[in-house]
Amino acid sequence: MKGSYSGTQGPDNYEVSVRDCFQALHADEQQALEDSRKDIHFKAGENILREGFVASNVLCLEEGLVRMNVIVDGRHSAVNLVAPPSFVGLLCTFSSYNLVCSATALENSKICLIEKELFERFIGQNGLFANRITRHMSAIASQIIHRLARFKDKQIDGALSVLLLEFADIYGNSDFMLPLNRKEMAGMLGYSKESVINAISRLHREGILKVSGRNIRIQQESKLRKIAQTG
């Protein structure tokens, strides 16, 4: 299973994982969760959440990879990559009656649906669960803020390097297959498809990457990290 990109550290530290949250539930609450949960499978490219829909469930990603988006000035903007085990759109779920974000499966994904009312009941009656959920949501918000800050004012080489390092972290391997085509990557980075193609080719020629279609091998990670920091 892929590691969550949230970098969570456990219940004794500031950040807590999804597992830490659920481990705070009492036995009867865990049984209620199991009795009510529903598993749904999404194919790569399918919408999981749509902006404007009623937030009636809490979603937990158990398999796959998901891209979170918001609409800014009429355009979709990617704000986060979600790897299992992670909640999907948790911040949006409780921010308003209707969702203010959307989510798309980048790979075939398995989502567990938890009734929002049940989830809220756990928060109201279980102080430890509420505490861990609050800390977890704070960590998600912090992660998104830092991610967006990393991309701010980056040239294409720097932005692409940040994204490739994210995927390497998610897959736990410097050799991986991109779940996006060049056009989709361009949409995530806010650059043209041609700019992305040229940047990938440039990194390939310099020996920093070995590229074959969607297959990426990071051959000089230190150089890629330097470009991500300064590019």
C-alpha atoms as a PDB file:
ATOM      1  CA  MET A   1       0.000   0.000   0.000  1.00  0.00           C
ATOM      2  CA  LYS A   2       1.195   3.497  -0.794  1.00  0.00           C
ATOM      3  CA  GLY A   3       2.154   5.722   2.090  1.00  0.00           C
ATOM      4  CA  SER A   4       0.001   8.775   2.740  1.00  0.00           C
ATOM      5  CA  TYR A   5       1.606  11.951   1.453  1.00  0.00           C
ATOM      6  CA  SER A   6       0.483  13.762   4.620  1.00  0.00           C
ATOM      7  CA  GLY A   7       3.631  12.740   6.493  1.00  0.00           C
ATOM      8  CA  THR A   8       1.679  11.898   9.640  1.00  0.00           C
ATOM      9  CA  GLN A   9       3.652  10.808  12.700  1.00  0.00           C
ATOM     10  CA  GLY A  10       1.234   9.292  15.234  1.00  0.00           C
ATOM     11  CA  PRO A  11      -1.088  10.281  18.092  1.00  0.00           C
ATOM     12  CA  ASP A  12       1.703  11.471  20.425  1.00  0.00           C
ATOM     13  CA  ASN A  13       2.850  14.077  17.889  1.00  0.00           C
ATOM     14  CA  TYR A  14       0.957  17.015  16.443  1.00  0.00           C
ATOM     15  CA  GLU A  15      -0.083  15.172  13.296  1.00  0.00           C
ATOM     16  CA  VAL A  16      -2.269  12.084  13.490  1.00  0.00           C
ATOM     17  CA  SER A  17      -3.182   9.591  10.784  1.00  0.00           C
ATOM     18  CA  VAL A  18      -6.559   8.244   9.718  1.00  0.00           C
ATOM     19  CA  ARG A  19      -5.788   5.012  11.575  1.00  0.00           C
ATOM     20  CA  ASP A  20      -5.008   6.987  14.738  1.00  0.00           C
ATOM     21  CA  CYS A  21      -8.425   8.650  14.482  1.00  0.00           C
ATOM     22  CA  PHE A  22     -10.341   5.404  14.080  1.00  0.00           C
ATOM     23  CA  GLN A  23      -8.385   3.709  16.858  1.00  0.00           C
ATOM     24  CA  ALA A  24      -9.880   6.300  19.240  1.00  0.00           C
ATOM     25  CA  LEU A  25     -13.387   4.889  18.668  1.00  0.00           C
ATOM     26  CA  HIS A  26     -14.949   2.725  21.375  1.00  0.00           C
ATOM     27  CA  ALA A  27     -15.898  -0.884  20.560  1.00  0.00           C
ATOM     28  CA  ASP A  28     -19.589  -0.052  20.025  1.00  0.00           C
ATOM     29  CA  GLU A  29     -18.662   2.882  17.799  1.00  0.00           C
ATOM     30  CA  GLN A  30     -16.342   0.724  15.712  1.00  0.00           C
ATOM     31  CA  GLN A  31     -19.163  -1.776  15.286  1.00  0.00           C
ATOM     32  CA  ALA A  32     -21.574   0.982  14.245  1.00  0.00           C
ATOM     33  CA  LEU A  33     -18.992   2.138  11.709  1.00  0.00           C
ATOM     34  CA  GLU A  34     -18.590  -1.345  10.251  1.00  0.00           C
ATOM     35  CA  ASP A  35     -22.365  -1.850  10.065  1.00  0.00           C
ATOM     36  CA  SER A  36     -22.948   1.399   8.174  1.00  0.00           C
ATOM     37  CA  ARG A  37     -19.928   1.640   5.885  1.00  0.00           C
ATOM     38  CA  LYS A  38     -20.267   1.256   2.138  1.00  0.00           C
ATOM     39  CA  ASP A  39     -17.409   0.593  -0.256  1.00  0.00           C
ATOM     40  CA  ILE A  40     -17.472   2.138  -3.728  1.00  0.00           C
ATOM     41  CA  HIS A  41     -14.969   1.600  -6.526  1.00  0.00           C
ATOM     42  CA  PHE A  42     -14.008   4.337  -8.985  1.00  0.00           C
ATOM     43  CA  LYS A  43     -12.114   3.926 -12.230  1.00  0.00           C
ATOM     44  CA  ALA A  44      -9.203   6.195 -13.116  1.00  0.00           C
ATOM     45  CA  GLY A  45     -10.580   9.499 -14.407  1.00  0.00           C
ATOM     46  CA  GLU A  46     -13.951   9.224 -12.653  1.00  0.00           C
ATOM     47  CA  ASN A  47     -15.254  12.015 -10.451  1.00  0.00           C
ATOM     48  CA  ILE A  48     -15.512  11.070  -6.774  1.00  0.00           C
ATOM     49  CA  LEU A  49     -16.788  14.402  -5.464  1.00  0.00           C
ATOM     50  CA  ARG A  50     -18.446  17.217  -7.389  1.00  0.00           C
ATOM     51  CA  GLU A  51     -18.441  20.829  -6.333  1.00  0.00           C
ATOM     52  CA  GLY A  52     -21.917  22.009  -5.328  1.00  0.00           C
ATOM     53  CA  PHE A  53     -23.223  18.559  -4.337  1.00  0.00           C
ATOM     54  CA  VAL A  54     -24.608  17.987  -0.842  1.00  0.00           C
ATOM     55  CA  ALA A  55     -21.962  16.704   1.595  1.00  0.00           C
ATOM     56  CA  SER A  56     -23.825  13.699   3.058  1.00  0.00           C
ATOM     57  CA  ASN A  57     -20.909  11.304   3.634  1.00  0.00           C
ATOM     58  CA  VAL A  58     -17.348  11.294   4.875  1.00  0.00           C
ATOM     59  CA  LEU A  59     -15.087   9.571   2.354  1.00  0.00           C
ATOM     60  CA  CYS A  60     -12.006   7.543   3.202  1.00  0.00           C
ATOM     61  CA  LEU A  61      -9.613   6.418   0.472  1.00  0.00           C
ATOM     62  CA  GLU A  62      -8.472   2.816   1.012  1.00  0.00           C
ATOM     63  CA  GLU A  63      -6.903   2.065  -2.379  1.00  0.00           C
ATOM     64  CA  GLY A  64      -5.761   4.174  -5.311  1.00  0.00           C
ATOM     65  CA  LEU A  65      -4.822   7.827  -5.739  1.00  0.00           C
ATOM     66  CA  VAL A  66      -7.005  10.949  -5.825  1.00  0.00           C
ATOM     67  CA  ARG A  67      -6.548  14.562  -6.936  1.00  0.00           C
ATOM     68  CA  MET A  68      -8.385  17.278  -4.994  1.00  0.00           C
ATOM     69  CA  ASN A  69      -9.514  20.368  -6.907  1.00  0.00           C
ATOM     70  CA  VAL A  70     -11.154  23.730  -6.310  1.00  0.00           C
ATOM     71  CA  ILE A  71     -12.534  26.145  -8.879  1.00  0.00           C
ATOM     72  CA  VAL A  72     -10.711  29.481  -8.991  1.00  0.00           C
ATOM     73  CA  ASP A  73     -11.905  32.120 -11.461  1.00  0.00           C
ATOM     74  CA  GLY A  74     -13.870  29.496 -13.348  1.00  0.00           C
ATOM     75  CA  ARG A  75     -10.946  27.088 -13.697  1.00  0.00           C
ATOM     76  CA  HIS A  76     -10.189  23.862 -11.852  1.00  0.00           C
ATOM     77  CA  SER A  77      -7.032  24.108  -9.768  1.00  0.00           C
ATOM     78  CA  ALA A  78      -5.407  21.049  -8.156  1.00  0.00           C
ATOM     79  CA  VAL A  79      -4.716  21.657  -4.471  1.00  0.00           C
ATOM     80  CA  ASN A  80      -3.655  18.246  -3.183  1.00  0.00           C
ATOM     81  CA  LEU A  81      -2.812  14.638  -3.983  1.00  0.00           C
ATOM     82  CA  VAL A  82      -4.424  12.081  -1.682  1.00  0.00           C
ATOM     83  CA  ALA A  83      -2.949   8.614  -1.146  1.00  0.00           C
ATOM     84  CA  PRO A  84      -4.373   5.886   1.124  1.00  0.00           C
ATOM     85  CA  PRO A  85      -5.256   5.668   3.859  1.00  0.00           C
ATOM     86  CA  SER A  86      -6.645   9.220   3.855  1.00  0.00           C
ATOM     87  CA  PHE A  87      -9.888  11.111   4.054  1.00  0.00           C
ATOM     88  CA  VAL A  88     -11.044  12.676   0.790  1.00  0.00           C
ATOM     89  CA  GLY A  89     -12.372  16.227   1.001  1.00  0.00           C
ATOM     90  CA  LEU A  90     -12.735  16.198   4.785  1.00  0.00           C
ATOM     91  CA  LEU A  91     -12.155  19.958   5.066  1.00  0.00           C
ATOM     92  CA  CYS A  92     -14.824  20.630   2.420  1.00  0.00           C
ATOM     93  CA  THR A  93     -17.272  18.184   3.985  1.00  0.00           C
ATOM     94  CA  PHE A  94     -17.680  20.243   7.146  1.00  0.00           C
ATOM     95  CA  SER A  95     -17.086  23.742   5.761  1.00  0.00           C
ATOM     96  CA  SER A  96     -20.549  24.173   4.219  1.00  0.00           C
ATOM     97  CA  TYR A  97     -23.764  22.317   3.329  1.00  0.00           C
ATOM     98  CA  ASN A  98     -22.662  21.976  -0.292  1.00  0.00           C
ATOM     99  CA  LEU A  99     -19.189  20.861  -1.301  1.00  0.00           C
ATOM    100  CA  VAL A 100     -16.777  23.615  -2.288  1.00  0.00           C
ATOM    101  CA  CYS A 101     -14.248  21.166  -3.751  1.00  0.00           C
ATOM    102  CA  SER A 102     -14.129  18.240  -6.149  1.00  0.00           C
ATOM    103  CA  ALA A 103     -12.102  15.037  -6.346  1.00  0.00           C
ATOM    104  CA  THR A 104     -11.020  12.841  -9.254  1.00  0.00           C
ATOM    105  CA  ALA A 105      -9.549   9.338  -9.189  1.00  0.00           C
ATOM    106  CA  LEU A 106      -6.099   9.283 -10.796  1.00  0.00           C
ATOM    107  CA  GLU A 107      -5.988   5.493 -10.456  1.00  0.00           C
ATOM    108  CA  ASN A 108      -8.621   2.835  -9.893  1.00  0.00           C
ATOM    109  CA  SER A 109      -9.639   3.637  -6.330  1.00  0.00           C
ATOM    110  CA  LYS A 110     -11.642   2.183  -3.462  1.00  0.00           C
ATOM    111  CA  ILE A 111     -13.559   4.601  -1.251  1.00  0.00           C
ATOM    112  CA  CYS A 112     -15.278   3.830   2.049  1.00  0.00           C
ATOM    113  CA  LEU A 113     -18.394   5.952   2.653  1.00  0.00           C
ATOM    114  CA  ILE A 114     -19.280   6.855   6.239  1.00  0.00           C
ATOM    115  CA  GLU A 115     -22.566   8.570   7.015  1.00  0.00           C
ATOM    116  CA  LYS A 116     -21.852  12.173   7.944  1.00  0.00           C
ATOM    117  CA  GLU A 117     -24.396  12.076  10.779  1.00  0.00           C
ATOM    118  CA  LEU A 118     -22.677   9.028  12.292  1.00  0.00           C
ATOM    119  CA  PHE A 119     -19.299  10.707  12.007  1.00  0.00           C
ATOM    120  CA  GLU A 120     -20.660  13.825  13.734  1.00  0.00           C
ATOM    121  CA  ARG A 121     -22.119  11.645  16.481  1.00  0.00           C
ATOM    122  CA  PHE A 122     -18.693  10.156  17.148  1.00  0.00           C
ATOM    123  CA  ILE A 123     -17.228  13.664  17.372  1.00  0.00           C
ATOM    124  CA  GLY A 124     -19.924  14.747  19.816  1.00  0.00           C
ATOM    125  CA  GLN A 125     -19.677  11.769  22.163  1.00  0.00           C
ATOM    126  CA  ASN A 126     -16.022  10.772  21.982  1.00  0.00           C
ATOM    127  CA  GLY A 127     -13.583  13.462  23.089  1.00  0.00           C
ATOM    128  CA  LEU A 128     -10.446  11.582  22.049  1.00  0.00           C
ATOM    129  CA  PHE A 129     -11.836  10.968  18.561  1.00  0.00           C
ATOM    130  CA  ALA A 130     -12.808  14.649  18.265  1.00  0.00           C
ATOM    131  CA  ASN A 131      -9.338  15.710  19.386  1.00  0.00           C
ATOM    132  CA  ARG A 132      -7.587  13.480  16.866  1.00  0.00           C
ATOM    133  CA  ILE A 133      -9.909  14.514  14.021  1.00  0.00           C
ATOM    134  CA  THR A 134      -9.236  18.181  14.821  1.00  0.00           C
ATOM    135  CA  ARG A 135      -5.490  17.596  14.796  1.00  0.00           C
ATOM    136  CA  HIS A 136      -5.746  15.560  11.602  1.00  0.00           C
ATOM    137  CA  MET A 137      -7.742  18.283   9.832  1.00  0.00           C
ATOM    138  CA  SER A 138      -5.230  20.897  10.990  1.00  0.00           C
ATOM    139  CA  ALA A 139      -2.443  18.798   9.488  1.00  0.00           C
ATOM    140  CA  ILE A 140      -4.327  18.522   6.180  1.00  0.00           C
ATOM    141  CA  ALA A 141      -4.816  22.302   6.046  1.00  0.00           C
ATOM    142  CA  SER A 142      -1.142  22.879   6.867  1.00  0.00           C
ATOM    143  CA  GLN A 143      -0.078  20.407   4.182  1.00  0.00           C
ATOM    144  CA  ILE A 144      -2.189  22.106   1.529  1.00  0.00           C
ATOM    145  CA  ILE A 145      -0.894  25.562   2.477  1.00  0.00           C
ATOM    146  CA  HIS A 146       2.732  24.426   2.313  1.00  0.00           C
ATOM    147  CA  ARG A 147       2.122  22.590  -0.971  1.00  0.00           C
ATOM    148  CA  LEU A 148       0.608  25.655  -2.621  1.00  0.00           C
ATOM    149  CA  ALA A 149       3.432  27.815  -1.271  1.00  0.00           C
ATOM    150  CA  ARG A 150       5.999  25.458  -2.825  1.00  0.00           C
ATOM    151  CA  PHE A 151       4.421  25.887  -6.253  1.00  0.00           C
ATOM    152  CA  LYS A 152       4.048  29.668  -5.962  1.00  0.00           C
ATOM    153  CA  ASP A 153       6.181  31.583  -8.491  1.00  0.00           C
ATOM    154  CA  LYS A 154       7.911  28.413  -9.720  1.00  0.00           C
ATOM    155  CA  GLN A 155       9.167  28.229 -13.278  1.00  0.00           C
ATOM    156  CA  ILE A 156       8.110  25.131 -15.191  1.00  0.00           C
ATOM    157  CA  ASP A 157      11.247  23.124 -14.348  1.00  0.00           C
ATOM    158  CA  GLY A 158      10.836  23.837 -10.632  1.00  0.00           C
ATOM    159  CA  ALA A 159       7.102  23.110 -10.572  1.00  0.00           C
ATOM    160  CA  LEU A 160       7.554  19.889 -12.523  1.00  0.00           C
ATOM    161  CA  SER A 161      10.342  18.782 -10.183  1.00  0.00           C
ATOM    162  CA  VAL A 162       8.138  19.367  -7.128  1.00  0.00           C
ATOM    163  CA  LEU A 163       5.338  17.301  -8.693  1.00  0.00           C
ATOM    164  CA  LEU A 164       7.631  14.420  -9.677  1.00  0.00           C
ATOM    165  CA  LEU A 165       9.114  14.303  -6.180  1.00  0.00           C
ATOM    166  CA  GLU A 166       5.566  14.180  -4.773  1.00  0.00           C
ATOM    167  CA  PHE A 167       4.784  11.142  -6.897  1.00  0.00           C
ATOM    168  CA  ALA A 168       8.073   9.479  -5.898  1.00  0.00           C
ATOM    169  CA  ASP A 169       7.141  10.047  -2.243  1.00  0.00           C
ATOM    170  CA  ILE A 170       3.615   8.702  -2.740  1.00  0.00           C
ATOM    171  CA  TYR A 171       4.794   5.571  -4.550  1.00  0.00           C
ATOM    172  CA  GLY A 172       7.789   5.112  -2.250  1.00  0.00           C
ATOM    173  CA  ASN A 173      10.002   4.601  -5.292  1.00  0.00           C
ATOM    174  CA  SER A 174      12.107   6.739  -7.625  1.00  0.00           C
ATOM    175  CA  ASP A 175      10.944   4.545 -10.516  1.00  0.00           C
ATOM    176  CA  PHE A 176       7.205   4.888 -11.165  1.00  0.00           C
ATOM    177  CA  MET A 177       4.485   5.308 -13.770  1.00  0.00           C
ATOM    178  CA  LEU A 178       2.774   8.685 -13.902  1.00  0.00           C
ATOM    179  CA  PRO A 179      -1.012   8.481 -13.434  1.00  0.00           C
ATOM    180  CA  LEU A 180      -1.378  11.581 -15.642  1.00  0.00           C
ATOM    181  CA  ASN A 181      -0.762  12.343 -19.286  1.00  0.00           C
ATOM    182  CA  ARG A 182       1.142  15.470 -20.312  1.00  0.00           C
ATOM    183  CA  LYS A 183      -2.024  17.544 -20.782  1.00  0.00           C
ATOM    184  CA  GLU A 184      -3.295  16.623 -17.317  1.00  0.00           C
ATOM    185  CA  MET A 185       0.090  17.463 -15.792  1.00  0.00           C
ATOM    186  CA  ALA A 186      -0.026  20.826 -17.531  1.00  0.00           C
ATOM    187  CA  GLY A 187      -3.446  21.456 -16.004  1.00  0.00           C
ATOM    188  CA  MET A 188      -2.145  20.640 -12.523  1.00  0.00           C
ATOM    189  CA  LEU A 189       0.883  22.907 -12.896  1.00  0.00           C
ATOM    190  CA  GLY A 190      -0.807  25.791 -14.686  1.00  0.00           C
ATOM    191  CA  TYR A 191       1.460  25.589 -17.741  1.00  0.00           C
ATOM    192  CA  SER A 192       0.892  24.599 -21.354  1.00  0.00           C
ATOM    193  CA  LYS A 193       1.216  21.001 -22.516  1.00  0.00           C
ATOM    194  CA  GLU A 194       4.169  22.031 -24.695  1.00  0.00           C
ATOM    195  CA  SER A 195       5.977  23.555 -21.707  1.00  0.00           C
ATOM    196  CA  VAL A 196       5.588  20.334 -19.738  1.00  0.00           C
ATOM    197  CA  ILE A 197       6.803  18.208 -22.662  1.00  0.00           C
ATOM    198  CA  ASN A 198       9.846  20.455 -23.166  1.00  0.00           C
ATOM    199  CA  ALA A 199      10.702  20.450 -19.449  1.00  0.00           C
ATOM    200  CA  ILE A 200      10.497  16.655 -19.221  1.00  0.00           C
ATOM    201  CA  SER A 201      12.653  16.304 -22.331  1.00  0.00           C
ATOM    202  CA  ARG A 202      15.197  18.745 -20.896  1.00  0.00           C
ATOM    203  CA  LEU A 203      15.490  16.819 -17.613  1.00  0.00           C
ATOM    204  CA  HIS A 204      15.792  13.601 -19.609  1.00  0.00           C
ATOM    205  CA  ARG A 205      18.605  14.992 -21.794  1.00  0.00           C
ATOM    206  CA  GLU A 206      20.479  16.178 -18.709  1.00  0.00           C
ATOM    207  CA  GLY A 207      20.297  12.675 -17.234  1.00  0.00           C
ATOM    208  CA  ILE A 208      18.287  13.779 -14.204  1.00  0.00           C
ATOM    209  CA  LEU A 209      15.349  11.663 -15.377  1.00  0.00           C
ATOM    210  CA  LYS A 210      14.986   8.618 -17.570  1.00  0.00           C
ATOM    211  CA  VAL A 211      11.674   8.937 -19.375  1.00  0.00           C
ATOM    212  CA  SER A 212       9.756   6.429 -21.473  1.00  0.00           C
ATOM    213  CA  GLY A 213       6.159   7.485 -22.046  1.00  0.00           C
ATOM    214  CA  ARG A 214       4.608   7.705 -18.599  1.00  0.00           C
ATOM    215  CA  ASN A 215       7.424   5.710 -16.990  1.00  0.00           C
ATOM    216  CA  ILE A 216       9.693   7.972 -14.948  1.00  0.00           C
ATOM    217  CA  ARG A 217      12.950   7.076 -13.249  1.00  0.00           C
ATOM    218  CA  ILE A 218      14.598   9.730 -11.116  1.00  0.00           C
ATOM    219  CA  GLN A 219      18.317   9.124 -11.685  1.00  0.00           C
ATOM    220  CA  GLN A 220      19.763  12.185  -9.949  1.00  0.00           C
ATOM    221  CA  GLU A 221      17.471  12.940  -7.025  1.00  0.00           C
ATOM    222  CA  SER A 222      19.735  15.562  -5.442  1.00  0.00           C
ATOM    223  CA  LYS A 223      19.747  17.635  -8.656  1.00  0.00           C
ATOM    224  CA  LEU A 224      15.976  17.279  -9.008  1.00  0.00           C
ATOM    225  CA  ARG A 225      15.500  18.453  -5.411  1.00  0.00           C
ATOM    226  CA  LYS A 226      17.751  21.445  -6.041  1.00  0.00           C
ATOM    227  CA  ILE A 227      15.674  22.399  -9.088  1.00  0.00           C
ATOM    228  CA  ALA A 228      12.510  21.963  -7.019  1.00  0.00           C
ATOM    229  CA  GLN A 229      13.906  24.364  -4.408  1.00  0.00           C
ATOM    230  CA  THR A 230      15.367  27.011  -6.706  1.00  0.00           C
ATOM    231  CA  GLY A 231      13.604  26.576 -10.061  1.00  0.00           C
END
